[in-house]
Amino acid sequence: MQPKTDKFRSTALLLALLGAGLANVGATPAPQAQSSGSAQTALASTGPAASTAIDTGMGDANSDGVAAVVNDTIISEYDLRQRIALFLATSGINPTPDQLKRIRAQVLTQLETERLELAEAQKNNTTISSADVDNAMNNIIQSNHLTMDQLKAVLARYNVDVATLRAQIATQLAWEKTVDDQLGDRVHVTPEDVDAELKRLAQGANKPHFLVAEIFLAVDRPDQENEVQKTVQDIEAQLQAGAPFGEVARQFSQSPSAAQGGNIGVVEDGQLAPELNDALEKLKPGQFSAPIRSAGGFYILELIGRQEPMGTKVPDAASINAHPSVLPLARILLPLGPKPTQEFQQKALHAGEVIRSHISTCDTLPALVKQLPGAVFMKLGDMKLADLSQEIQNALANTQPGEAAAPFISSAGVEIIVRCDPPVPQVTAFKMPTRDEVEQQLFEEQISTLARQYLSDLRREADVETR
């Protein structure tokens, strides 16, 4: 089982820092810095945004040729380059040439699938409005703590037309609506089904429950086994390199849950197939599994959270070591340079908030700072609170073990103080869902099974020519 690595490399951090316009951060580099460049310039140069076109490692990066033909629909090399760039922009990974070739193959396969989905939506006169896409875009922006201008700025650095993101979202929405329209009438959740599920949940309330996300790749024919296995192993390598699970699921998973970043909700211990359940039991929150062969194809599971059996006494985290006099601390400093403007200070504070939200443990801080040339990391060790400045004491006042304090501006720049004492385990207990929630869950499970078969049939009947 592989832990998720370097949370700070997720979409929110990379996009928000790149979009914040921090041209002066690191203008006065400290000895610990990797270079004298700004945080903005350094982060922008870690990926393909530093070039004027995405080199897929497969021929002319500026080619406008044909990458594939799906039935009578063309996927151009431009479409493919755009989607590769979109994935790299939102995943934050910096692939090697060999990895980029494999990513190209994955993206092309996904584009072929989306062409089938879109064609089926059009065949059934399914329409998606601009307002629908706008709402989905706003959800992405809000969940990543961004503004629309910041998102557009980041996409522009990776040479991605915002229409590429909108087109992907529109296709996902159109497919969801098509599935609902075409299969919804085939799903029958009766009151008796809900009663039976509530009874089952009550009987299993004394078991642990897992909040789970999935990446699923289908094996439609026996001769696809090796190819799909290799693809899912490549995806696992991207996750290990720091790509956010939700973004990878959104781009590559072939389950309807892809639109929700792979999130499939809460399952109880023993509810999933034995091979999937065994993998979940070995994970800690924030970790993902190795690829698992199960019914229909390969899975990678992420354990988002764990709930203990109903009635488990949940400790009050605020009461544990609530008022220590000595704390092990670390410090991140974003120097602002001489006489920073008020606007720039606010942008730097925003960047500090984004960094803070992606700090997992003190162990990850040195690697984090390496991604921000000009930033400074200091391991302060055990510190008496009474010996610290009032600013730091105030910042630490509302923190818990293992947390980072809210960033503040000092004479040196933007400061983030991190507590390095072990985090208090977040223990939650299972609660019985409402009748409406159970009915919705049963509906989603049934329609998800039907949707997978629907898409499998479309792929089986399709005429796909990859160039």
Protein backbone atom coordinates (compact mmCIF):
# COMPACT_ATOMS: atom_id res chain seq x y z
CA MET A 1 0.00 0.00 0.00
CA GLN A 2 1.39 3.37 -0.99
CA PRO A 3 0.94 6.58 1.01
CA LYS A 4 -0.01 9.73 -0.80
CA THR A 5 3.16 11.76 -1.16
CA ASP A 6 3.73 15.48 -0.69
CA LYS A 7 0.25 16.87 -0.24
CA PHE A 8 1.53 20.34 -1.10
CA ARG A 9 1.90 19.28 -4.73
CA SER A 10 -1.85 19.04 -5.21
CA THR A 11 -3.92 21.14 -7.57
CA ALA A 12 -4.92 23.77 -5.04
CA LEU A 13 -1.39 24.69 -4.04
CA LEU A 14 0.10 24.76 -7.51
CA LEU A 15 -2.79 26.62 -9.07
CA ALA A 16 -3.19 29.15 -6.30
CA LEU A 17 0.52 29.94 -6.02
CA LEU A 18 0.95 30.19 -9.76
CA GLY A 19 -2.15 32.31 -10.07
CA ALA A 20 -1.39 34.59 -7.15
CA GLY A 21 1.15 36.65 -9.09
CA LEU A 22 3.85 36.50 -6.42
CA ALA A 23 6.53 38.04 -8.58
CA ASN A 24 8.51 39.39 -5.62
CA VAL A 25 8.43 36.48 -3.21
CA GLY A 26 11.98 35.39 -2.62
CA ALA A 27 13.39 38.64 -4.02
CA THR A 28 15.80 38.62 -1.08
CA PRO A 29 16.87 34.97 -1.04
CA ALA A 30 18.19 33.35 2.08
CA PRO A 31 21.07 30.85 2.14
CA GLN A 32 18.60 27.97 2.43
CA ALA A 33 16.91 28.90 -0.83
CA GLN A 34 17.53 26.82 -3.93
CA SER A 35 17.79 29.82 -6.22
CA SER A 36 17.13 33.53 -6.30
CA GLY A 37 14.06 33.30 -8.53
CA SER A 38 10.59 34.23 -7.43
CA ALA A 39 8.09 31.65 -6.21
CA GLN A 40 5.93 32.35 -9.22
CA THR A 41 8.76 31.93 -11.73
CA ALA A 42 10.15 28.86 -10.04
CA LEU A 43 6.84 27.04 -9.83
CA ALA A 44 5.94 27.94 -13.38
CA SER A 45 9.21 26.49 -14.60
CA THR A 46 8.81 23.14 -12.83
CA GLY A 47 6.40 21.89 -15.46
CA PRO A 48 5.81 22.18 -19.16
CA ALA A 49 4.51 25.70 -18.79
CA ALA A 50 8.07 26.85 -19.26
CA SER A 51 7.82 25.93 -22.94
CA THR A 52 5.62 27.40 -25.64
CA ALA A 53 4.11 24.04 -26.52
CA ILE A 54 3.63 20.71 -24.83
CA ASP A 55 6.06 18.14 -26.16
CA THR A 56 4.25 14.84 -25.94
CA GLY A 57 7.37 12.93 -26.82
CA MET A 58 5.61 11.64 -29.93
CA GLY A 59 6.64 13.72 -32.91
CA ASP A 60 6.18 17.39 -33.73
CA ALA A 61 4.73 19.24 -30.73
CA ASN A 62 3.09 21.74 -33.09
CA SER A 63 1.51 19.16 -35.39
CA ASP A 64 -2.14 19.57 -36.30
CA GLY A 65 -2.47 16.02 -37.56
CA VAL A 66 -4.89 13.29 -36.55
CA ALA A 67 -4.24 11.38 -33.31
CA ALA A 68 -7.21 9.01 -33.57
CA VAL A 69 -10.52 8.46 -35.29
CA VAL A 70 -13.51 7.28 -33.25
CA ASN A 71 -16.21 6.06 -35.62
CA ASP A 72 -16.44 9.15 -37.83
CA THR A 73 -15.08 11.66 -35.27
CA ILE A 74 -11.49 12.93 -35.40
CA ILE A 75 -9.29 13.56 -32.36
CA SER A 76 -6.62 15.98 -33.50
CA GLU A 77 -3.07 16.23 -32.19
CA TYR A 78 -4.03 19.70 -30.96
CA ASP A 79 -6.89 18.25 -28.90
CA LEU A 80 -4.51 15.69 -27.46
CA ARG A 81 -1.80 18.23 -26.62
CA GLN A 82 -4.36 20.44 -24.92
CA ARG A 83 -5.63 17.64 -22.71
CA ILE A 84 -2.13 16.48 -21.80
CA ALA A 85 -1.29 20.06 -20.81
CA LEU A 86 -4.53 20.30 -18.81
CA PHE A 87 -3.65 17.14 -16.90
CA LEU A 88 -0.13 18.35 -16.15
CA ALA A 89 -1.43 21.75 -15.04
CA THR A 90 -3.97 20.26 -12.65
CA SER A 91 -1.89 17.34 -11.38
CA GLY A 92 1.30 19.25 -10.65
CA ILE A 93 3.58 16.42 -11.74
CA ASN A 94 6.73 16.99 -13.79
CA PRO A 95 7.06 13.77 -15.85
CA THR A 96 10.10 12.33 -17.52
CA PRO A 97 9.94 11.85 -21.32
CA ASP A 98 9.07 8.16 -20.86
CA GLN A 99 6.33 9.01 -18.36
CA LEU A 100 5.01 11.66 -20.73
CA LYS A 101 4.64 9.07 -23.49
CA ARG A 102 2.59 6.88 -21.17
CA ILE A 103 0.49 9.85 -20.07
CA ARG A 104 -0.11 10.60 -23.75
CA ALA A 105 -1.49 7.09 -24.25
CA GLN A 106 -3.72 7.39 -21.17
CA VAL A 107 -5.07 10.77 -22.22
CA LEU A 108 -5.73 9.56 -25.75
CA THR A 109 -7.66 6.55 -24.44
CA GLN A 110 -9.73 8.85 -22.26
CA LEU A 111 -10.42 11.19 -25.17
CA GLU A 112 -11.58 8.24 -27.26
CA THR A 113 -13.96 7.25 -24.48
CA GLU A 114 -15.26 10.80 -24.20
CA ARG A 115 -15.91 10.96 -27.93
CA LEU A 116 -18.10 7.86 -27.57
CA GLU A 117 -19.92 9.40 -24.63
CA LEU A 118 -20.46 12.70 -26.42
CA ALA A 119 -21.69 10.99 -29.59
CA GLU A 120 -24.17 8.98 -27.55
CA ALA A 121 -25.36 12.13 -25.80
CA GLN A 122 -25.88 13.84 -29.15
CA LYS A 123 -27.68 10.80 -30.52
CA ASN A 124 -30.14 11.08 -27.63
CA ASN A 125 -30.50 14.88 -27.99
CA THR A 126 -28.92 15.51 -24.61
CA THR A 127 -27.97 19.15 -24.14
CA ILE A 128 -25.87 20.91 -21.54
CA SER A 129 -26.17 24.66 -21.09
CA SER A 130 -23.35 27.13 -20.57
CA ALA A 131 -24.82 27.80 -17.14
CA ASP A 132 -24.40 24.11 -16.23
CA VAL A 133 -20.73 24.27 -17.20
CA ASP A 134 -20.31 27.59 -15.36
CA ASN A 135 -21.68 26.04 -12.16
CA ALA A 136 -19.30 23.09 -12.44
CA MET A 137 -16.38 25.46 -13.09
CA ASN A 138 -17.32 27.50 -10.03
CA ASN A 139 -17.32 24.35 -7.90
CA ILE A 140 -13.79 23.54 -9.07
CA ILE A 141 -12.64 27.08 -8.37
CA GLN A 142 -14.16 27.19 -4.89
CA SER A 143 -12.84 23.78 -3.88
CA ASN A 144 -9.33 24.87 -4.90
CA HIS A 145 -9.53 28.29 -3.22
CA LEU A 146 -9.09 30.13 -6.50
CA THR A 147 -10.61 32.93 -8.50
CA MET A 148 -11.54 32.56 -12.14
CA ASP A 149 -8.74 34.95 -13.11
CA GLN A 150 -6.20 32.83 -11.23
CA LEU A 151 -7.43 29.65 -12.92
CA LYS A 152 -7.20 31.27 -16.35
CA ALA A 153 -3.71 32.56 -15.56
CA VAL A 154 -2.47 29.09 -14.66
CA LEU A 155 -4.03 27.48 -17.71
CA ALA A 156 -2.43 30.17 -19.86
CA ARG A 157 0.99 29.35 -18.40
CA TYR A 158 0.50 25.78 -19.55
CA ASN A 159 -0.82 26.99 -22.92
CA VAL A 160 -4.22 25.49 -22.18
CA ASP A 161 -7.26 27.16 -23.68
CA VAL A 162 -9.96 27.43 -20.99
CA ALA A 163 -12.31 25.99 -23.62
CA THR A 164 -10.46 22.68 -23.23
CA LEU A 165 -11.45 22.45 -19.56
CA ARG A 166 -14.99 23.57 -20.33
CA ALA A 167 -15.30 20.94 -23.07
CA GLN A 168 -14.17 18.17 -20.73
CA ILE A 169 -16.65 19.29 -18.07
CA ALA A 170 -19.46 19.56 -20.63
CA THR A 171 -18.79 16.02 -21.85
CA GLN A 172 -18.86 14.64 -18.30
CA LEU A 173 -22.13 16.44 -17.59
CA ALA A 174 -23.66 15.29 -20.89
CA TRP A 175 -22.74 11.67 -20.20
CA GLU A 176 -24.18 11.84 -16.67
CA LYS A 177 -27.41 13.28 -18.04
CA THR A 178 -27.54 10.68 -20.83
CA VAL A 179 -27.08 7.88 -18.32
CA ASP A 180 -29.85 9.29 -16.13
CA ASP A 181 -32.21 9.78 -19.08
CA GLN A 182 -31.56 6.40 -20.71
CA LEU A 183 -31.14 4.21 -17.65
CA GLY A 184 -33.02 5.99 -14.90
CA ASP A 185 -36.28 4.21 -15.68
CA ARG A 186 -34.51 0.86 -15.34
CA VAL A 187 -33.53 1.60 -11.75
CA HIS A 188 -36.19 0.61 -9.25
CA VAL A 189 -35.58 1.32 -5.59
CA THR A 190 -38.64 0.17 -3.64
CA PRO A 191 -39.56 0.97 -0.04
CA GLU A 192 -38.77 -2.65 0.72
CA ASP A 193 -35.26 -2.18 -0.73
CA VAL A 194 -34.73 0.80 1.54
CA ASP A 195 -36.04 -1.13 4.56
CA ALA A 196 -33.68 -4.00 3.81
CA GLU A 197 -30.70 -1.67 3.41
CA LEU A 198 -31.50 0.16 6.65
CA LYS A 199 -31.69 -3.21 8.40
CA ARG A 200 -28.35 -4.22 6.90
CA LEU A 201 -26.79 -0.93 7.97
CA ALA A 202 -28.13 -1.33 11.50
CA GLN A 203 -26.69 -4.84 11.69
CA GLY A 204 -23.34 -3.53 10.46
CA ALA A 205 -23.31 -0.43 12.66
CA ASN A 206 -20.86 -2.16 14.98
CA LYS A 207 -18.29 -2.39 12.16
CA PRO A 208 -15.79 0.20 10.92
CA HIS A 209 -16.87 2.25 7.90
CA PHE A 210 -14.71 3.74 5.17
CA LEU A 211 -15.06 6.90 3.11
CA VAL A 212 -13.65 5.79 -0.23
CA ALA A 213 -12.61 7.14 -3.62
CA GLU A 214 -11.85 4.95 -6.63
CA ILE A 215 -10.06 4.93 -9.95
CA PHE A 216 -11.52 2.22 -12.19
CA LEU A 217 -10.27 0.98 -15.55
CA ALA A 218 -12.44 -1.57 -17.32
CA VAL A 219 -11.22 -4.77 -18.97
CA ASP A 220 -13.85 -5.34 -21.65
CA ARG A 221 -12.10 -8.26 -23.39
CA PRO A 222 -9.55 -10.84 -22.20
CA ASP A 223 -6.98 -9.61 -24.71
CA GLN A 224 -7.02 -6.17 -23.00
CA GLU A 225 -5.83 -7.53 -19.64
CA ASN A 226 -2.12 -6.78 -20.00
CA GLU A 227 -2.65 -3.39 -21.63
CA VAL A 228 -5.07 -2.18 -18.96
CA GLN A 229 -2.84 -3.53 -16.20
CA LYS A 230 0.10 -1.56 -17.57
CA THR A 231 -2.04 1.58 -17.77
CA VAL A 232 -3.24 1.29 -14.19
CA GLN A 233 0.35 0.74 -13.03
CA ASP A 234 1.34 3.96 -14.83
CA ILE A 235 -1.49 5.76 -13.03
CA GLU A 236 -0.25 4.39 -9.71
CA ALA A 237 3.22 5.79 -10.52
CA GLN A 238 1.70 9.22 -11.17
CA LEU A 239 -0.07 9.11 -7.79
CA GLN A 240 3.20 8.16 -6.11
CA ALA A 241 4.82 11.14 -7.83
CA GLY A 242 2.32 13.41 -6.10
CA ALA A 243 -0.57 13.72 -8.56
CA PRO A 244 -3.79 14.39 -6.61
CA PHE A 245 -6.04 11.34 -6.49
CA GLY A 246 -9.19 13.29 -7.30
CA GLU A 247 -7.70 14.93 -10.38
CA VAL A 248 -6.34 11.64 -11.71
CA ALA A 249 -9.73 10.01 -11.12
CA ARG A 250 -11.46 12.88 -12.89
CA GLN A 251 -9.17 12.52 -15.91
CA PHE A 252 -8.80 8.75 -16.26
CA SER A 253 -11.31 6.77 -14.21
CA GLN A 254 -13.98 5.00 -16.25
CA SER A 255 -16.51 4.95 -13.44
CA PRO A 256 -19.36 7.47 -13.16
CA SER A 257 -17.76 8.53 -9.88
CA ALA A 258 -15.01 10.21 -11.94
CA ALA A 259 -17.07 13.42 -12.06
CA GLN A 260 -16.86 13.54 -8.25
CA GLY A 261 -13.12 12.92 -8.21
CA GLY A 262 -13.74 9.20 -7.71
CA ASN A 263 -15.65 9.64 -4.45
CA ILE A 264 -18.07 6.74 -3.90
CA GLY A 265 -19.14 7.63 -0.36
CA VAL A 266 -19.17 5.49 2.78
CA VAL A 267 -18.96 1.69 2.74
CA GLU A 268 -18.92 -0.61 5.72
CA ASP A 269 -16.24 -3.18 6.44
CA GLY A 270 -17.06 -6.23 4.30
CA GLN A 271 -19.44 -4.47 1.91
CA LEU A 272 -17.09 -4.43 -1.08
CA ALA A 273 -15.64 -7.45 -2.86
CA PRO A 274 -13.18 -9.30 -0.59
CA GLU A 275 -10.08 -8.21 -2.54
CA LEU A 276 -11.17 -4.55 -2.37
CA ASN A 277 -12.15 -4.76 1.28
CA ASP A 278 -8.83 -6.37 2.21
CA ALA A 279 -6.99 -3.46 0.58
CA LEU A 280 -9.08 -0.88 2.45
CA GLU A 281 -8.42 -2.50 5.81
CA LYS A 282 -4.68 -2.02 5.32
CA LEU A 283 -4.89 1.68 4.46
CA LYS A 284 -4.69 4.70 6.69
CA PRO A 285 -6.63 7.87 5.84
CA GLY A 286 -4.85 9.68 3.00
CA GLN A 287 -3.30 6.53 1.56
CA PHE A 288 -4.12 4.74 -1.68
CA SER A 289 -3.85 1.10 -2.67
CA ALA A 290 -1.84 -0.65 -5.31
CA PRO A 291 -3.89 -1.69 -8.39
CA ILE A 292 -6.44 -4.39 -7.55
CA ARG A 293 -7.95 -6.79 -10.09
CA SER A 294 -11.62 -7.23 -9.35
CA ALA A 295 -14.88 -7.74 -11.22
CA GLY A 296 -14.88 -5.78 -14.48
CA GLY A 297 -11.36 -4.41 -14.34
CA PHE A 298 -8.70 -2.79 -12.17
CA TYR A 299 -9.22 -0.51 -9.17
CA ILE A 300 -7.06 1.85 -7.17
CA LEU A 301 -8.75 2.82 -3.90
CA GLU A 302 -8.09 5.84 -1.71
CA LEU A 303 -9.13 5.83 1.93
CA ILE A 304 -10.35 9.37 2.54
CA GLY A 305 -11.51 8.72 6.09
CA ARG A 306 -12.50 6.03 8.53
CA GLN A 307 -15.46 5.87 10.89
CA GLU A 308 -15.38 3.70 13.99
CA PRO A 309 -18.38 1.55 15.00
CA MET A 310 -21.49 3.46 16.05
CA GLY A 311 -21.37 4.43 19.70
CA THR A 312 -17.57 4.65 19.83
CA LYS A 313 -16.60 7.34 22.30
CA VAL A 314 -14.91 10.11 20.36
CA PRO A 315 -12.19 11.94 22.32
CA ASP A 316 -12.36 15.70 22.51
CA ALA A 317 -9.28 16.75 20.56
CA ALA A 318 -9.38 20.22 22.07
CA SER A 319 -8.93 18.76 25.54
CA ILE A 320 -5.78 16.77 24.65
CA ASN A 321 -2.64 18.73 25.58
CA ALA A 322 -4.73 21.88 25.21
CA HIS A 323 -2.31 24.23 26.95
CA PRO A 324 1.29 23.03 26.56
CA SER A 325 4.10 25.28 27.74
CA VAL A 326 6.72 23.80 25.38
CA LEU A 327 6.17 22.89 21.73
CA PRO A 328 8.37 21.50 18.94
CA LEU A 329 8.04 24.05 16.13
CA ALA A 330 9.11 24.70 12.56
CA ARG A 331 8.90 27.88 10.52
CA ILE A 332 8.36 28.77 6.86
CA LEU A 333 9.15 32.30 5.78
CA LEU A 334 8.18 33.93 2.49
CA PRO A 335 10.40 37.03 2.27
CA LEU A 336 8.58 39.97 0.74
CA GLY A 337 11.52 42.17 -0.12
CA PRO A 338 11.82 45.86 0.74
CA LYS A 339 8.68 48.04 0.87
CA PRO A 340 6.11 45.56 -0.49
CA THR A 341 2.82 47.07 -1.56
CA GLN A 342 -0.36 46.37 0.38
CA GLU A 343 -1.76 44.44 -2.58
CA PHE A 344 1.34 42.26 -2.77
CA GLN A 345 1.23 41.56 0.96
CA GLN A 346 -2.36 40.36 0.61
CA LYS A 347 -1.41 38.07 -2.27
CA ALA A 348 1.46 36.68 -0.24
CA LEU A 349 -0.86 36.05 2.72
CA HIS A 350 -3.20 34.20 0.38
CA ALA A 351 -0.29 32.08 -0.83
CA GLY A 352 0.60 31.40 2.80
CA GLU A 353 -2.95 30.18 3.47
CA VAL A 354 -2.73 27.81 0.52
CA ILE A 355 0.62 26.45 1.72
CA ARG A 356 -0.80 26.04 5.22
CA SER A 357 -3.80 24.06 3.95
CA HIS A 358 -1.48 21.53 2.31
CA ILE A 359 0.96 20.92 5.14
CA SER A 360 0.57 17.37 6.40
CA THR A 361 3.52 16.92 8.77
CA CYS A 362 6.77 18.69 9.59
CA ASP A 363 8.58 15.94 7.71
CA THR A 364 7.26 17.31 4.40
CA LEU A 365 8.32 20.92 5.00
CA PRO A 366 11.90 20.78 3.61
CA ALA A 367 10.62 19.29 0.35
CA LEU A 368 7.86 21.88 0.23
CA VAL A 369 10.30 24.75 0.55
CA LYS A 370 12.43 23.31 -2.26
CA GLN A 371 9.45 23.95 -4.52
CA LEU A 372 9.48 27.63 -3.51
CA PRO A 373 12.90 29.16 -4.25
CA GLY A 374 13.36 32.17 -2.02
CA ALA A 375 11.31 30.69 0.80
CA VAL A 376 13.06 29.78 4.02
CA PHE A 377 12.60 26.72 6.25
CA MET A 378 13.79 26.65 9.85
CA LYS A 379 13.45 23.79 12.31
CA LEU A 380 13.06 25.62 15.61
CA GLY A 381 13.01 22.55 17.89
CA ASP A 382 11.41 22.61 21.34
CA MET A 383 10.40 26.15 22.20
CA LYS A 384 8.97 27.64 25.39
CA LEU A 385 5.87 29.54 24.42
CA ALA A 386 6.67 32.25 26.91
CA ASP A 387 9.94 32.96 25.05
CA LEU A 388 8.22 33.50 21.70
CA SER A 389 7.05 36.79 20.27
CA GLN A 390 3.48 37.81 20.92
CA GLU A 391 2.75 37.43 17.19
CA ILE A 392 3.77 33.77 17.25
CA GLN A 393 1.94 33.10 20.50
CA ASN A 394 -1.22 34.63 19.04
CA ALA A 395 -0.85 32.55 15.86
CA LEU A 396 -0.46 29.32 17.85
CA ALA A 397 -3.32 30.05 20.24
CA ASN A 398 -5.97 28.25 18.17
CA THR A 399 -3.89 25.34 16.85
CA GLN A 400 -3.95 21.65 17.66
CA PRO A 401 -1.01 19.17 17.64
CA GLY A 402 0.49 18.80 14.18
CA GLU A 403 -1.27 21.87 12.76
CA ALA A 404 0.13 24.96 11.07
CA ALA A 405 -0.86 28.34 12.46
CA ALA A 406 -2.51 30.95 10.31
CA PRO A 407 0.13 32.91 8.36
CA PHE A 408 0.94 36.42 9.52
CA ILE A 409 3.15 39.24 8.30
CA SER A 410 6.22 40.16 10.31
CA SER A 411 9.10 42.47 9.51
CA ALA A 412 10.77 39.52 7.75
CA GLY A 413 7.84 38.57 5.51
CA VAL A 414 4.96 36.11 5.63
CA GLU A 415 5.48 33.58 8.43
CA ILE A 416 3.89 30.15 8.88
CA ILE A 417 4.59 28.47 12.23
CA VAL A 418 4.01 24.70 12.31
CA ARG A 419 3.53 22.52 15.37
CA CYS A 420 5.61 19.35 15.07
CA ASP A 421 4.03 17.46 17.96
CA PRO A 422 2.14 14.32 16.79
CA PRO A 423 -1.33 15.12 15.44
CA VAL A 424 -4.28 14.00 17.50
CA PRO A 425 -5.98 11.10 15.67
CA GLN A 426 -9.25 12.27 14.17
CA VAL A 427 -11.75 9.72 15.44
CA THR A 428 -15.31 9.76 14.17
CA ALA A 429 -18.10 7.27 14.77
CA PHE A 430 -20.58 5.90 12.26
CA LYS A 431 -24.06 7.42 12.25
CA MET A 432 -27.07 5.85 10.61
CA PRO A 433 -28.04 7.64 7.40
CA THR A 434 -31.55 8.91 6.78
CA ARG A 435 -34.06 7.02 4.69
CA ASP A 436 -33.69 9.53 1.85
CA GLU A 437 -29.90 9.15 1.91
CA VAL A 438 -30.19 5.37 1.70
CA GLU A 439 -32.62 5.58 -1.22
CA GLN A 440 -30.26 7.91 -3.10
CA GLN A 441 -27.28 5.64 -2.43
CA LEU A 442 -29.12 2.57 -3.71
CA PHE A 443 -30.15 4.46 -6.83
CA GLU A 444 -26.55 5.55 -7.49
CA GLU A 445 -25.21 2.03 -7.00
CA GLN A 446 -27.68 0.55 -9.47
CA ILE A 447 -27.29 3.21 -12.12
CA SER A 448 -23.49 3.09 -11.79
CA THR A 449 -23.53 -0.64 -12.60
CA LEU A 450 -25.79 -0.04 -15.59
CA ALA A 451 -23.63 2.88 -16.78
CA ARG A 452 -20.49 0.76 -16.80
CA GLN A 453 -22.22 -1.83 -18.96
CA TYR A 454 -23.59 0.93 -21.21
CA LEU A 455 -20.11 2.33 -21.81
CA SER A 456 -18.61 -1.13 -22.23
CA ASP A 457 -21.14 -1.83 -24.99
CA LEU A 458 -20.31 1.44 -26.73
CA ARG A 459 -16.60 0.64 -26.68
CA ARG A 460 -17.17 -2.89 -27.94
CA GLU A 461 -19.19 -1.68 -30.91
CA ALA A 462 -16.98 1.31 -31.74
CA ASP A 463 -14.57 1.57 -34.63
CA VAL A 464 -11.49 3.22 -33.09
CA GLU A 465 -8.34 3.85 -35.09
CA THR A 466 -5.36 5.18 -33.13
CA ARG A 467 -2.72 6.83 -35.29
